[in-house]
């Protein structure tokens, strides 16, 4: 599994994304988030990444976390993670990657920060 951590430094809320575009990661960084992106090559990869984040292995404090999961239909499911639990969130469906990214950042800013 390949994992990349992007952060502007300091104590930032963390967003975990599987296979996210560089544009979305950049937008999240500019909005004040740290991001953990990964490419899953096996089932259970998300759980491995979340466990590593929770244990501090990735070098980020995991007090405030969000999760963005990409659907097969191009949608993005955005959730908050609290005490290891994935809480209900919102599904973003927009054919424009720019508008979809803006909606994801807005939701995370309102529910994770």
PDB file of N, CA and C in Angstrom:
ATOM      1  N   UNK A   1       0.851  -1.162   0.000  1.00  0.00           N
ATOM      2  CA  UNK A   1       0.000   0.000   0.000  1.00  0.00           C
ATOM      3  C   UNK A   1       0.899   1.228   0.000  1.00  0.00           C
ATOM      4  N   UNK A   2       0.505   2.223  -0.749  1.00  0.00           N
ATOM      5  CA  UNK A   2       1.227   3.482  -0.826  1.00  0.00           C
ATOM      6  C   UNK A   2       0.430   4.548  -0.087  1.00  0.00           C
ATOM      7  N   UNK A   3       1.078   5.263   0.851  1.00  0.00           N
ATOM      8  CA  UNK A   3       0.415   6.302   1.650  1.00  0.00           C
ATOM      9  C   UNK A   3       1.230   7.584   1.539  1.00  0.00           C
ATOM     10  N   UNK A   4       0.534   8.721   1.335  1.00  0.00           N
ATOM     11  CA  UNK A   4       1.204  10.026   1.276  1.00  0.00           C
ATOM     12  C   UNK A   4       0.540  10.963   2.274  1.00  0.00           C
ATOM     13  N   UNK A   5       1.347  11.704   3.013  1.00  0.00           N
ATOM     14  CA  UNK A   5       0.850  12.671   3.995  1.00  0.00           C
ATOM     15  C   UNK A   5       1.214  14.059   3.496  1.00  0.00           C
ATOM     16  N   UNK A   6       0.220  14.959   3.451  1.00  0.00           N
ATOM     17  CA  UNK A   6       0.440  16.340   3.043  1.00  0.00           C
ATOM     18  C   UNK A   6      -0.079  17.237   4.149  1.00  0.00           C
ATOM     19  N   UNK A   7       0.781  18.151   4.619  1.00  0.00           N
ATOM     20  CA  UNK A   7       0.361  19.063   5.679  1.00  0.00           C
ATOM     21  C   UNK A   7       1.166  20.349   5.578  1.00  0.00           C
ATOM     22  N   UNK A   8       0.518  21.447   5.881  1.00  0.00           N
ATOM     23  CA  UNK A   8       1.199  22.732   5.914  1.00  0.00           C
ATOM     24  C   UNK A   8       1.859  22.971   7.258  1.00  0.00           C
ATOM     25  N   UNK A   9       1.856  21.974   8.132  1.00  0.00           N
ATOM     26  CA  UNK A   9       2.457  22.101   9.461  1.00  0.00           C
ATOM     27  C   UNK A   9       1.439  22.522  10.507  1.00  0.00           C
ATOM     28  N   UNK A  10       1.835  22.392  11.754  1.00  0.00           N
ATOM     29  CA  UNK A  10       0.948  22.755  12.856  1.00  0.00           C
ATOM     30  C   UNK A  10      -0.131  21.717  13.105  1.00  0.00           C
ATOM     31  N   UNK A  11      -0.996  22.023  14.019  1.00  0.00           N
ATOM     32  CA  UNK A  11      -2.085  21.137  14.411  1.00  0.00           C
ATOM     33  C   UNK A  11      -3.284  21.405  13.501  1.00  0.00           C
ATOM     34  N   UNK A  12      -3.471  20.581  12.522  1.00  0.00           N
ATOM     35  CA  UNK A  12      -4.542  20.745  11.533  1.00  0.00           C
ATOM     36  C   UNK A  12      -5.494  19.563  11.588  1.00  0.00           C
ATOM     37  N   UNK A  13      -6.751  19.789  11.245  1.00  0.00           N
ATOM     38  CA  UNK A  13      -7.643  18.639  11.095  1.00  0.00           C
ATOM     39  C   UNK A  13      -7.151  17.787   9.925  1.00  0.00           C
ATOM     40  N   UNK A  14      -7.372  16.484  10.005  1.00  0.00           N
ATOM     41  CA  UNK A  14      -6.853  15.530   9.030  1.00  0.00           C
ATOM     42  C   UNK A  14      -7.999  14.969   8.195  1.00  0.00           C
ATOM     43  N   UNK A  15      -7.758  14.849   6.900  1.00  0.00           N
ATOM     44  CA  UNK A  15      -8.726  14.218   6.003  1.00  0.00           C
ATOM     45  C   UNK A  15      -8.044  13.020   5.349  1.00  0.00           C
ATOM     46  N   UNK A  16      -8.697  11.868   5.401  1.00  0.00           N
ATOM     47  CA  UNK A  16      -8.194  10.639   4.794  1.00  0.00           C
ATOM     48  C   UNK A  16      -8.946  10.439   3.486  1.00  0.00           C
ATOM     49  N   UNK A  17      -8.182  10.201   2.403  1.00  0.00           N
ATOM     50  CA  UNK A  17      -8.770  10.046   1.076  1.00  0.00           C
ATOM     51  C   UNK A  17      -8.122   8.877   0.352  1.00  0.00           C
ATOM     52  N   UNK A  18      -8.936   8.055  -0.263  1.00  0.00           N
ATOM     53  CA  UNK A  18      -8.390   6.969  -1.083  1.00  0.00           C
ATOM     54  C   UNK A  18      -8.426   7.392  -2.543  1.00  0.00           C
ATOM     55  N   UNK A  19      -7.274   7.396  -3.185  1.00  0.00           N
ATOM     56  CA  UNK A  19      -7.201   7.688  -4.613  1.00  0.00           C
ATOM     57  C   UNK A  19      -7.694   9.067  -4.998  1.00  0.00           C
ATOM     58  N   UNK A  20      -7.478  10.059  -4.170  1.00  0.00           N
ATOM     59  CA  UNK A  20      -7.975  11.403  -4.450  1.00  0.00           C
ATOM     60  C   UNK A  20      -7.107  12.115  -5.479  1.00  0.00           C
ATOM     61  N   UNK A  21      -7.710  13.056  -6.163  1.00  0.00           N
ATOM     62  CA  UNK A  21      -6.963  13.838  -7.150  1.00  0.00           C
ATOM     63  C   UNK A  21      -6.040  14.834  -6.443  1.00  0.00           C
ATOM     64  N   UNK A  22      -4.967  15.178  -7.114  1.00  0.00           N
ATOM     65  CA  UNK A  22      -4.029  16.166  -6.577  1.00  0.00           C
ATOM     66  C   UNK A  22      -4.725  17.512  -6.393  1.00  0.00           C
ATOM     67  N   UNK A  23      -5.692  17.817  -7.256  1.00  0.00           N
ATOM     68  CA  UNK A  23      -6.417  19.086  -7.140  1.00  0.00           C
ATOM     69  C   UNK A  23      -7.208  19.144  -5.827  1.00  0.00           C
ATOM     70  N   UNK A  24      -7.864  18.048  -5.457  1.00  0.00           N
ATOM     71  CA  UNK A  24      -8.625  18.031  -4.206  1.00  0.00           C
ATOM     72  C   UNK A  24      -7.690  18.111  -3.007  1.00  0.00           C
ATOM     73  N   UNK A  25      -6.589  17.398  -3.038  1.00  0.00           N
ATOM     74  CA  UNK A  25      -5.616  17.450  -1.945  1.00  0.00           C
ATOM     75  C   UNK A  25      -5.084  18.877  -1.798  1.00  0.00           C
ATOM     76  N   UNK A  26      -4.768  19.527  -2.900  1.00  0.00           N
ATOM     77  CA  UNK A  26      -4.292  20.906  -2.856  1.00  0.00           C
ATOM     78  C   UNK A  26      -5.328  21.848  -2.274  1.00  0.00           C
ATOM     79  N   UNK A  27      -6.575  21.666  -2.658  1.00  0.00           N
ATOM     80  CA  UNK A  27      -7.668  22.501  -2.139  1.00  0.00           C
ATOM     81  C   UNK A  27      -7.814  22.310  -0.628  1.00  0.00           C
ATOM     82  N   UNK A  28      -7.715  21.069  -0.173  1.00  0.00           N
ATOM     83  CA  UNK A  28      -7.818  20.795   1.266  1.00  0.00           C
ATOM     84  C   UNK A  28      -6.657  21.428   2.029  1.00  0.00           C
ATOM     85  N   UNK A  29      -5.450  21.342   1.478  1.00  0.00           N
ATOM     86  CA  UNK A  29      -4.284  21.935   2.130  1.00  0.00           C
ATOM     87  C   UNK A  29      -4.445  23.442   2.238  1.00  0.00           C
ATOM     88  N   UNK A  30      -4.883  24.080   1.167  1.00  0.00           N
ATOM     89  CA  UNK A  30      -5.100  25.538   1.200  1.00  0.00           C
ATOM     90  C   UNK A  30      -6.193  25.922   2.186  1.00  0.00           C
ATOM     91  N   UNK A  31      -7.147  25.020   2.429  1.00  0.00           N
ATOM     92  CA  UNK A  31      -8.233  25.293   3.377  1.00  0.00           C
ATOM     93  C   UNK A  31      -7.836  25.008   4.825  1.00  0.00           C
ATOM     94  N   UNK A  32      -6.593  24.545   5.041  1.00  0.00           N
ATOM     95  CA  UNK A  32      -6.113  24.328   6.409  1.00  0.00           C
ATOM     96  C   UNK A  32      -6.155  22.893   6.901  1.00  0.00           C
ATOM     97  N   UNK A  33      -6.339  21.947   6.006  1.00  0.00           N
ATOM     98  CA  UNK A  33      -6.383  20.541   6.385  1.00  0.00           C
ATOM     99  C   UNK A  33      -5.059  19.855   6.065  1.00  0.00           C
ATOM    100  N   UNK A  34      -4.725  18.849   6.847  1.00  0.00           N
ATOM    101  CA  UNK A  34      -3.668  17.900   6.484  1.00  0.00           C
ATOM    102  C   UNK A  34      -4.385  16.757   5.774  1.00  0.00           C
ATOM    103  N   UNK A  35      -3.715  16.095   4.844  1.00  0.00           N
ATOM    104  CA  UNK A  35      -4.377  14.995   4.154  1.00  0.00           C
ATOM    105  C   UNK A  35      -3.504  13.743   4.173  1.00  0.00           C
ATOM    106  N   UNK A  36      -4.182  12.630   4.219  1.00  0.00           N
ATOM    107  CA  UNK A  36      -3.544  11.323   4.116  1.00  0.00           C
ATOM    108  C   UNK A  36      -4.216  10.646   2.928  1.00  0.00           C
ATOM    109  N   UNK A  37      -3.454  10.463   1.849  1.00  0.00           N
ATOM    110  CA  UNK A  37      -3.996   9.793   0.673  1.00  0.00           C
ATOM    111  C   UNK A  37      -3.334   8.428   0.530  1.00  0.00           C
ATOM    112  N   UNK A  38      -4.078   7.506  -0.025  1.00  0.00           N
ATOM    113  CA  UNK A  38      -3.512   6.169  -0.206  1.00  0.00           C
ATOM    114  C   UNK A  38      -4.157   5.482  -1.388  1.00  0.00           C
ATOM    115  N   UNK A  39      -3.431   4.540  -1.930  1.00  0.00           N
ATOM    116  CA  UNK A  39      -3.918   3.668  -2.997  1.00  0.00           C
ATOM    117  C   UNK A  39      -4.077   2.281  -2.395  1.00  0.00           C
ATOM    118  N   UNK A  40      -5.284   1.801  -2.367  1.00  0.00           N
ATOM    119  CA  UNK A  40      -5.547   0.480  -1.793  1.00  0.00           C
ATOM    120  C   UNK A  40      -5.329  -0.601  -2.838  1.00  0.00           C
ATOM    121  N   UNK A  41      -4.560  -1.585  -2.472  1.00  0.00           N
ATOM    122  CA  UNK A  41      -4.336  -2.722  -3.355  1.00  0.00           C
ATOM    123  C   UNK A  41      -4.937  -3.994  -2.766  1.00  0.00           C
ATOM    124  N   UNK A  42      -5.593  -3.844  -1.623  1.00  0.00           N
ATOM    125  CA  UNK A  42      -6.236  -4.986  -0.967  1.00  0.00           C
ATOM    126  C   UNK A  42      -7.388  -4.479  -0.115  1.00  0.00           C
ATOM    127  N   UNK A  43      -8.348  -5.349   0.138  1.00  0.00           N
ATOM    128  CA  UNK A  43      -9.449  -4.954   1.018  1.00  0.00           C
ATOM    129  C   UNK A  43      -8.902  -4.725   2.427  1.00  0.00           C
ATOM    130  N   UNK A  44      -9.525  -3.833   3.129  1.00  0.00           N
ATOM    131  CA  UNK A  44      -9.090  -3.530   4.486  1.00  0.00           C
ATOM    132  C   UNK A  44      -8.025  -2.457   4.568  1.00  0.00           C
ATOM    133  N   UNK A  45      -7.607  -1.910   3.427  1.00  0.00           N
ATOM    134  CA  UNK A  45      -6.548  -0.899   3.422  1.00  0.00           C
ATOM    135  C   UNK A  45      -6.967   0.351   4.197  1.00  0.00           C
ATOM    136  N   UNK A  46      -8.220   0.762   4.059  1.00  0.00           N
ATOM    137  CA  UNK A  46      -8.692   1.939   4.787  1.00  0.00           C
ATOM    138  C   UNK A  46      -8.555   1.733   6.286  1.00  0.00           C
ATOM    139  N   UNK A  47      -8.913   0.567   6.776  1.00  0.00           N
ATOM    140  CA  UNK A  47      -8.800   0.285   8.210  1.00  0.00           C
ATOM    141  C   UNK A  47      -7.338   0.340   8.671  1.00  0.00           C
ATOM    142  N   UNK A  48      -6.421  -0.123   7.830  1.00  0.00           N
ATOM    143  CA  UNK A  48      -4.996  -0.077   8.169  1.00  0.00           C
ATOM    144  C   UNK A  48      -4.541   1.382   8.278  1.00  0.00           C
ATOM    145  N   UNK A  49      -4.951   2.218   7.328  1.00  0.00           N
ATOM    146  CA  UNK A  49      -4.569   3.638   7.346  1.00  0.00           C
ATOM    147  C   UNK A  49      -5.165   4.341   8.558  1.00  0.00           C
ATOM    148  N   UNK A  50      -6.440   4.098   8.846  1.00  0.00           N
ATOM    149  CA  UNK A  50      -7.078   4.737  10.001  1.00  0.00           C
ATOM    150  C   UNK A  50      -6.424   4.308  11.313  1.00  0.00           C
ATOM    151  N   UNK A  51      -6.054   3.036  11.403  1.00  0.00           N
ATOM    152  CA  UNK A  51      -5.368   2.542  12.595  1.00  0.00           C
ATOM    153  C   UNK A  51      -4.006   3.215  12.747  1.00  0.00           C
ATOM    154  N   UNK A  52      -3.261   3.330  11.657  1.00  0.00           N
ATOM    155  CA  UNK A  52      -1.942   3.985  11.706  1.00  0.00           C
ATOM    156  C   UNK A  52      -2.085   5.452  12.101  1.00  0.00           C
ATOM    157  N   UNK A  53      -3.110   6.108  11.594  1.00  0.00           N
ATOM    158  CA  UNK A  53      -3.353   7.509  11.946  1.00  0.00           C
ATOM    159  C   UNK A  53      -3.686   7.639  13.428  1.00  0.00           C
ATOM    160  N   UNK A  54      -4.562   6.773  13.914  1.00  0.00           N
ATOM    161  CA  UNK A  54      -4.970   6.804  15.323  1.00  0.00           C
ATOM    162  C   UNK A  54      -3.792   6.539  16.266  1.00  0.00           C
ATOM    163  N   UNK A  55      -2.881   5.645  15.862  1.00  0.00           N
ATOM    164  CA  UNK A  55      -1.725   5.320  16.704  1.00  0.00           C
ATOM    165  C   UNK A  55      -0.593   6.339  16.581  1.00  0.00           C
ATOM    166  N   UNK A  56      -0.730   7.317  15.676  1.00  0.00           N
ATOM    167  CA  UNK A  56       0.293   8.339  15.527  1.00  0.00           C
ATOM    168  C   UNK A  56       1.449   7.952  14.622  1.00  0.00           C
ATOM    169  N   UNK A  57       1.342   6.823  13.943  1.00  0.00           N
ATOM    170  CA  UNK A  57       2.412   6.331  13.088  1.00  0.00           C
ATOM    171  C   UNK A  57       2.661   7.262  11.899  1.00  0.00           C
ATOM    172  N   UNK A  58       1.637   7.990  11.462  1.00  0.00           N
ATOM    173  CA  UNK A  58       1.782   8.854  10.292  1.00  0.00           C
ATOM    174  C   UNK A  58       2.282  10.257  10.640  1.00  0.00           C
ATOM    175  N   UNK A  59       2.524  10.512  11.927  1.00  0.00           N
ATOM    176  CA  UNK A  59       3.089  11.791  12.335  1.00  0.00           C
ATOM    177  C   UNK A  59       2.091  12.931  12.407  1.00  0.00           C
ATOM    178  N   UNK A  60       0.819  12.628  12.396  1.00  0.00           N
ATOM    179  CA  UNK A  60      -0.215  13.661  12.491  1.00  0.00           C
ATOM    180  C   UNK A  60      -1.075  13.401  13.715  1.00  0.00           C
ATOM    181  N   UNK A  61      -1.440  14.455  14.456  1.00  0.00           N
ATOM    182  CA  UNK A  61      -2.401  14.246  15.537  1.00  0.00           C
ATOM    183  C   UNK A  61      -3.781  13.979  14.932  1.00  0.00           C
ATOM    184  N   UNK A  62      -4.439  12.966  15.383  1.00  0.00           N
ATOM    185  CA  UNK A  62      -5.710  12.546  14.774  1.00  0.00           C
ATOM    186  C   UNK A  62      -6.915  12.940  15.616  1.00  0.00           C
ATOM    187  N   UNK A  63      -6.884  14.128  16.212  1.00  0.00           N
ATOM    188  CA  UNK A  63      -7.996  14.523  17.066  1.00  0.00           C
ATOM    189  C   UNK A  63      -9.239  14.895  16.269  1.00  0.00           C
ATOM    190  N   UNK A  64      -9.054  15.529  15.112  1.00  0.00           N
ATOM    191  CA  UNK A  64     -10.185  15.933  14.260  1.00  0.00           C
ATOM    192  C   UNK A  64      -9.954  15.341  12.877  1.00  0.00           C
ATOM    193  N   UNK A  65     -10.839  14.426  12.475  1.00  0.00           N
ATOM    194  CA  UNK A  65     -10.623  13.720  11.210  1.00  0.00           C
ATOM    195  C   UNK A  65     -11.871  13.700  10.345  1.00  0.00           C
ATOM    196  N   UNK A  66     -11.615  13.735   9.044  1.00  0.00           N
ATOM    197  CA  UNK A  66     -12.657  13.552   8.055  1.00  0.00           C
ATOM    198  C   UNK A  66     -12.244  12.423   7.131  1.00  0.00           C
ATOM    199  N   UNK A  67     -13.195  11.890   6.410  1.00  0.00           N
ATOM    200  CA  UNK A  67     -12.954  10.789   5.489  1.00  0.00           C
ATOM    201  C   UNK A  67     -13.692  11.095   4.188  1.00  0.00           C
ATOM    202  N   UNK A  68     -12.992  10.974   3.067  1.00  0.00           N
ATOM    203  CA  UNK A  68     -13.613  11.144   1.752  1.00  0.00           C
ATOM    204  C   UNK A  68     -13.420   9.831   1.001  1.00  0.00           C
ATOM    205  N   UNK A  69     -14.535   9.202   0.656  1.00  0.00           N
ATOM    206  CA  UNK A  69     -14.500   7.956  -0.102  1.00  0.00           C
ATOM    207  C   UNK A  69     -15.129   8.204  -1.471  1.00  0.00           C
ATOM    208  N   UNK A  70     -14.429   7.818  -2.515  1.00  0.00           N
ATOM    209  CA  UNK A  70     -14.914   8.024  -3.885  1.00  0.00           C
ATOM    210  C   UNK A  70     -15.759   6.836  -4.310  1.00  0.00           C
ATOM    211  N   UNK A  71     -16.939   7.140  -4.843  1.00  0.00           N
ATOM    212  CA  UNK A  71     -17.827   6.090  -5.324  1.00  0.00           C
ATOM    213  C   UNK A  71     -17.529   5.724  -6.770  1.00  0.00           C
ATOM    214  N   UNK A  72     -17.995   4.580  -7.204  1.00  0.00           N
ATOM    215  CA  UNK A  72     -17.796   4.126  -8.580  1.00  0.00           C
ATOM    216  C   UNK A  72     -18.490   5.049  -9.590  1.00  0.00           C
ATOM    217  N   UNK A  73     -19.506   5.772  -9.130  1.00  0.00           N
ATOM    218  CA  UNK A  73     -20.261   6.652 -10.024  1.00  0.00           C
ATOM    219  C   UNK A  73     -19.697   8.072 -10.071  1.00  0.00           C
ATOM    220  N   UNK A  74     -18.539   8.291  -9.449  1.00  0.00           N
ATOM    221  CA  UNK A  74     -17.928   9.620  -9.445  1.00  0.00           C
ATOM    222  C   UNK A  74     -18.327  10.477  -8.251  1.00  0.00           C
ATOM    223  N   UNK A  75     -19.225   9.971  -7.427  1.00  0.00           N
ATOM    224  CA  UNK A  75     -19.641  10.713  -6.241  1.00  0.00           C
ATOM    225  C   UNK A  75     -18.567  10.601  -5.153  1.00  0.00           C
ATOM    226  N   UNK A  76     -18.671  11.462  -4.158  1.00  0.00           N
ATOM    227  CA  UNK A  76     -17.775  11.402  -3.005  1.00  0.00           C
ATOM    228  C   UNK A  76     -18.612  11.383  -1.733  1.00  0.00           C
ATOM    229  N   UNK A  77     -18.345  10.411  -0.870  1.00  0.00           N
ATOM    230  CA  UNK A  77     -19.013  10.324   0.420  1.00  0.00           C
ATOM    231  C   UNK A  77     -18.066  10.942   1.439  1.00  0.00           C
ATOM    232  N   UNK A  78     -18.555  11.958   2.142  1.00  0.00           N
ATOM    233  CA  UNK A  78     -17.739  12.703   3.093  1.00  0.00           C
ATOM    234  C   UNK A  78     -18.298  12.448   4.485  1.00  0.00           C
ATOM    235  N   UNK A  79     -17.418  12.059   5.409  1.00  0.00           N
ATOM    236  CA  UNK A  79     -17.836  11.726   6.781  1.00  0.00           C
ATOM    237  C   UNK A  79     -16.856  12.306   7.783  1.00  0.00           C
ATOM    238  N   UNK A  80     -17.300  12.340   9.004  1.00  0.00           N
ATOM    239  CA  UNK A  80     -16.424  12.686  10.125  1.00  0.00           C
ATOM    240  C   UNK A  80     -16.075  11.387  10.830  1.00  0.00           C
ATOM    241  N   UNK A  81     -14.833  11.325  11.325  1.00  0.00           N
ATOM    242  CA  UNK A  81     -14.397  10.165  12.095  1.00  0.00           C
ATOM    243  C   UNK A  81     -14.188  10.630  13.526  1.00  0.00           C
ATOM    244  N   UNK A  82     -14.804   9.924  14.447  1.00  0.00           N
ATOM    245  CA  UNK A  82     -14.686  10.281  15.859  1.00  0.00           C
ATOM    246  C   UNK A  82     -14.525   9.007  16.678  1.00  0.00           C
ATOM    247  N   UNK A  83     -13.444   8.929  17.438  1.00  0.00           N
ATOM    248  CA  UNK A  83     -13.153   7.768  18.277  1.00  0.00           C
ATOM    249  C   UNK A  83     -13.202   6.469  17.466  1.00  0.00           C
ATOM    250  N   UNK A  84     -12.687   6.527  16.239  1.00  0.00           N
ATOM    251  CA  UNK A  84     -12.625   5.342  15.397  1.00  0.00           C
ATOM    252  C   UNK A  84     -13.911   5.023  14.665  1.00  0.00           C
ATOM    253  N   UNK A  85     -15.003   5.740  14.967  1.00  0.00           N
ATOM    254  CA  UNK A  85     -16.290   5.479  14.324  1.00  0.00           C
ATOM    255  C   UNK A  85     -16.480   6.400  13.120  1.00  0.00           C
ATOM    256  N   UNK A  86     -17.004   5.852  12.048  1.00  0.00           N
ATOM    257  CA  UNK A  86     -17.324   6.644  10.860  1.00  0.00           C
ATOM    258  C   UNK A  86     -18.759   7.119  10.982  1.00  0.00           C
ATOM    259  N   UNK A  87     -18.924   8.412  11.196  1.00  0.00           N
ATOM    260  CA  UNK A  87     -20.251   8.981  11.414  1.00  0.00           C
ATOM    261  C   UNK A  87     -20.910   9.327  10.080  1.00  0.00           C
ATOM    262  N   UNK A  88     -22.248   9.365  10.058  1.00  0.00           N
ATOM    263  CA  UNK A  88     -22.943   9.714   8.813  1.00  0.00           C
ATOM    264  C   UNK A  88     -22.486  11.083   8.311  1.00  0.00           C
ATOM    265  N   UNK A  89     -22.509  11.234   7.019  1.00  0.00           N
ATOM    266  CA  UNK A  89     -22.073  12.484   6.420  1.00  0.00           C
ATOM    267  C   UNK A  89     -22.958  12.850   5.250  1.00  0.00           C
ATOM    268  N   UNK A  90     -22.317  13.217   4.149  1.00  0.00           N
ATOM    269  CA  UNK A  90     -23.039  13.673   2.967  1.00  0.00           C
ATOM    270  C   UNK A  90     -22.413  13.041   1.730  1.00  0.00           C
ATOM    271  N   UNK A  91     -23.238  12.838   0.712  1.00  0.00           N
ATOM    272  CA  UNK A  91     -22.731  12.368  -0.575  1.00  0.00           C
ATOM    273  C   UNK A  91     -22.749  13.542  -1.531  1.00  0.00           C
ATOM    274  N   UNK A  92     -21.597  13.821  -2.141  1.00  0.00           N
ATOM    275  CA  UNK A  92     -21.466  14.932  -3.088  1.00  0.00           C
ATOM    276  C   UNK A  92     -21.478  14.347  -4.499  1.00  0.00           C
ATOM    277  N   UNK A  93     -22.442  14.816  -5.289  1.00  0.00           N
ATOM    278  CA  UNK A  93     -22.537  14.393  -6.692  1.00  0.00           C
ATOM    279  C   UNK A  93     -22.566  15.658  -7.539  1.00  0.00           C
ATOM    280  N   UNK A  94     -21.497  15.913  -8.236  1.00  0.00           N
ATOM    281  CA  UNK A  94     -21.442  17.062  -9.134  1.00  0.00           C
ATOM    282  C   UNK A  94     -20.489  16.714 -10.264  1.00  0.00           C
ATOM    283  N   UNK A  95     -20.911  16.879 -11.515  1.00  0.00           N
ATOM    284  CA  UNK A  95     -20.024  16.536 -12.625  1.00  0.00           C
ATOM    285  C   UNK A  95     -18.803  17.459 -12.726  1.00  0.00           C
ATOM    286  N   UNK A  96     -18.872  18.615 -12.111  1.00  0.00           N
ATOM    287  CA  UNK A  96     -17.741  19.537 -12.132  1.00  0.00           C
ATOM    288  C   UNK A  96     -16.814  19.222 -10.958  1.00  0.00           C
ATOM    289  N   UNK A  97     -15.577  18.789 -11.233  1.00  0.00           N
ATOM    290  CA  UNK A  97     -14.649  18.489 -10.139  1.00  0.00           C
ATOM    291  C   UNK A  97     -14.399  19.700  -9.240  1.00  0.00           C
ATOM    292  N   UNK A  98     -14.439  20.889  -9.821  1.00  0.00           N
ATOM    293  CA  UNK A  98     -14.199  22.103  -9.041  1.00  0.00           C
ATOM    294  C   UNK A  98     -15.331  22.351  -8.038  1.00  0.00           C
ATOM    295  N   UNK A  99     -16.570  22.240  -8.502  1.00  0.00           N
ATOM    296  CA  UNK A  99     -17.715  22.442  -7.596  1.00  0.00           C
ATOM    297  C   UNK A  99     -17.803  21.317  -6.568  1.00  0.00           C
ATOM    298  N   UNK A 100     -17.509  20.085  -6.992  1.00  0.00           N
ATOM    299  CA  UNK A 100     -17.531  18.961  -6.052  1.00  0.00           C
ATOM    300  C   UNK A 100     -16.482  19.161  -4.970  1.00  0.00           C
ATOM    301  N   UNK A 101     -15.263  19.567  -5.355  1.00  0.00           N
ATOM    302  CA  UNK A 101     -14.203  19.831  -4.381  1.00  0.00           C
ATOM    303  C   UNK A 101     -14.587  20.936  -3.409  1.00  0.00           C
ATOM    304  N   UNK A 102     -15.218  21.986  -3.929  1.00  0.00           N
ATOM    305  CA  UNK A 102     -15.661  23.093  -3.064  1.00  0.00           C
ATOM    306  C   UNK A 102     -16.702  22.610  -2.053  1.00  0.00           C
ATOM    307  N   UNK A 103     -17.620  21.747  -2.494  1.00  0.00           N
ATOM    308  CA  UNK A 103     -18.653  21.221  -1.588  1.00  0.00           C
ATOM    309  C   UNK A 103     -18.031  20.328  -0.508  1.00  0.00           C
ATOM    310  N   UNK A 104     -17.036  19.535  -0.891  1.00  0.00           N
ATOM    311  CA  UNK A 104     -16.351  18.663   0.075  1.00  0.00           C
ATOM    312  C   UNK A 104     -15.651  19.521   1.136  1.00  0.00           C
ATOM    313  N   UNK A 105     -14.903  20.521   0.696  1.00  0.00           N
ATOM    314  CA  UNK A 105     -14.183  21.388   1.636  1.00  0.00           C
ATOM    315  C   UNK A 105     -15.163  22.125   2.544  1.00  0.00           C
ATOM    316  N   UNK A 106     -16.261  22.605   1.986  1.00  0.00           N
ATOM    317  CA  UNK A 106     -17.251  23.319   2.801  1.00  0.00           C
ATOM    318  C   UNK A 106     -17.814  22.406   3.890  1.00  0.00           C
ATOM    319  N   UNK A 107     -18.185  21.176   3.539  1.00  0.00           N
ATOM    320  CA  UNK A 107     -18.744  20.254   4.527  1.00  0.00           C
ATOM    321  C   UNK A 107     -17.720  19.940   5.608  1.00  0.00           C
ATOM    322  N   UNK A 108     -16.483  19.650   5.203  1.00  0.00           N
ATOM    323  CA  UNK A 108     -15.441  19.342   6.175  1.00  0.00           C
ATOM    324  C   UNK A 108     -15.177  20.519   7.092  1.00  0.00           C
ATOM    325  N   UNK A 109     -15.179  21.729   6.544  1.00  0.00           N
ATOM    326  CA  UNK A 109     -14.947  22.922   7.358  1.00  0.00           C
ATOM    327  C   UNK A 109     -16.050  23.080   8.406  1.00  0.00           C
ATOM    328  N   UNK A 110     -17.275  22.774   8.050  1.00  0.00           N
ATOM    329  CA  UNK A 110     -18.400  22.919   8.971  1.00  0.00           C
ATOM    330  C   UNK A 110     -18.481  21.789  10.004  1.00  0.00           C
ATOM    331  N   UNK A 111     -18.021  20.590   9.649  1.00  0.00           N
ATOM    332  CA  UNK A 111     -18.232  19.443  10.536  1.00  0.00           C
ATOM    333  C   UNK A 111     -16.997  18.842  11.171  1.00  0.00           C
ATOM    334  N   UNK A 112     -15.818  19.211  10.699  1.00  0.00           N
ATOM    335  CA  UNK A 112     -14.594  18.607  11.250  1.00  0.00           C
ATOM    336  C   UNK A 112     -13.721  19.628  11.984  1.00  0.00           C
ATOM    337  N   UNK A 113     -13.677  20.845  11.471  1.00  0.00           N
ATOM    338  CA  UNK A 113     -12.789  21.867  12.064  1.00  0.00           C
ATOM    339  C   UNK A 113     -13.223  22.247  13.445  1.00  0.00           C
TER     340      UNK A 113
END
